[in-house]
Amino acid sequence: MTSAYHEERVALLLRLLRPAPVGWVQAAQELPAARRTMDDIVERAEADVAFQAALVADLEAALVQEGYEPSRPLLDELRKQVKTRWGQD
């Protein structure tokens, strides 16, 4: 069997699949930006003791004050990071 046959077979099988749910597609599109935001916040907190203290004291208020949109997934993950890195939540 040739490689072209396998590619055609895979293409045929992929066409038979239903499209991914819209929510899955949207989440996959948003994930890279969310990861960058998370990394930026943690890096900044590591370098800026005042920002780190603000995150520990009131995570959501500190994010709003700095212009971040504190979505539920972001808050949940940052709470874990704060607790792990700085022993607080």
Protein backbone atom coordinates (compact mmCIF):
# COMPACT_ATOMS: atom_id res chain seq x y z
CA MET A 1 0.00 0.00 0.00
CA THR A 2 1.23 3.41 -0.87
CA SER A 3 1.45 6.48 1.29
CA ALA A 4 -1.08 8.20 -0.99
CA TYR A 5 -3.58 5.41 -0.25
CA HIS A 6 -3.16 5.92 3.50
CA GLU A 7 -3.54 9.67 3.16
CA GLU A 8 -6.71 9.26 1.11
CA ARG A 9 -8.09 6.76 3.61
CA VAL A 10 -7.35 9.07 6.53
CA ALA A 11 -8.95 11.98 4.65
CA LEU A 12 -12.06 9.88 4.00
CA LEU A 13 -12.32 8.86 7.64
CA LEU A 14 -11.83 12.44 8.83
CA ARG A 15 -14.65 13.62 6.56
CA LEU A 16 -16.95 11.09 8.23
CA LEU A 17 -16.43 12.65 11.66
CA ARG A 18 -18.92 15.17 12.96
CA PRO A 19 -17.52 18.66 13.50
CA ALA A 20 -16.16 19.40 16.95
CA PRO A 21 -18.62 21.16 19.27
CA VAL A 22 -18.43 24.95 19.05
CA GLY A 23 -17.41 25.19 22.71
CA TRP A 24 -14.43 22.92 22.13
CA VAL A 25 -13.30 24.96 19.15
CA GLN A 26 -13.68 28.22 21.06
CA ALA A 27 -11.78 26.85 24.07
CA ALA A 28 -8.96 25.62 21.84
CA GLN A 29 -8.72 29.05 20.21
CA GLU A 30 -8.66 30.86 23.56
CA LEU A 31 -6.18 28.57 25.29
CA PRO A 32 -2.91 30.06 23.96
CA ALA A 33 -3.88 33.61 24.97
CA ALA A 34 -5.08 32.42 28.37
CA ARG A 35 -1.81 30.59 28.95
CA ARG A 36 0.20 33.69 28.00
CA THR A 37 -1.88 35.83 30.37
CA MET A 38 -1.36 33.34 33.19
CA ASP A 39 2.38 33.18 32.56
CA ASP A 40 2.64 36.98 32.39
CA ILE A 41 0.84 37.42 35.71
CA VAL A 42 2.98 34.81 37.48
CA GLU A 43 6.22 36.22 36.01
CA ARG A 44 5.26 39.71 37.07
CA ALA A 45 4.38 38.56 40.58
CA GLU A 46 7.76 36.80 40.83
CA ALA A 47 9.54 40.04 39.89
CA ASP A 48 7.29 42.57 41.68
CA VAL A 49 6.85 41.96 45.42
CA ALA A 50 4.10 44.59 45.71
CA PHE A 51 2.08 42.95 42.91
CA GLN A 52 2.66 39.55 44.50
CA ALA A 53 1.39 40.85 47.86
CA ALA A 54 -1.67 42.35 46.16
CA LEU A 55 -2.43 39.00 44.50
CA VAL A 56 -2.12 37.19 47.80
CA ALA A 57 -4.27 39.75 49.65
CA ASP A 58 -7.11 39.95 47.09
CA LEU A 59 -6.51 38.12 43.84
CA GLU A 60 -9.55 39.32 41.93
CA ALA A 61 -9.23 42.98 42.98
CA ALA A 62 -5.51 43.01 42.12
CA LEU A 63 -6.21 41.66 38.64
CA VAL A 64 -9.00 44.17 37.99
CA GLN A 65 -6.81 47.03 39.22
CA GLU A 66 -4.09 46.00 36.75
CA GLY A 67 -6.51 45.75 33.82
CA TYR A 68 -6.93 41.98 33.63
CA GLU A 69 -10.33 40.41 33.10
CA PRO A 70 -10.60 37.86 35.93
CA SER A 71 -12.51 34.99 34.32
CA ARG A 72 -13.42 31.99 36.47
CA PRO A 73 -10.83 29.66 34.87
CA LEU A 74 -8.08 32.29 35.26
CA LEU A 75 -8.98 32.88 38.91
CA ASP A 76 -9.12 29.16 39.66
CA GLU A 77 -5.70 28.50 38.14
CA LEU A 78 -4.10 31.57 39.69
CA ARG A 79 -5.41 30.61 43.13
CA LYS A 80 -3.56 27.31 42.73
CA GLN A 81 -0.41 29.12 41.61
CA VAL A 82 -0.57 31.60 44.51
CA LYS A 83 -1.04 28.82 47.04
CA THR A 84 1.76 26.71 45.55
CA ARG A 85 4.28 29.50 45.04
CA TRP A 86 3.61 31.81 47.97
CA GLY A 87 1.77 29.58 50.43
CA GLN A 88 -1.41 31.63 50.38
CA ASP A 89 -4.77 31.62 48.66
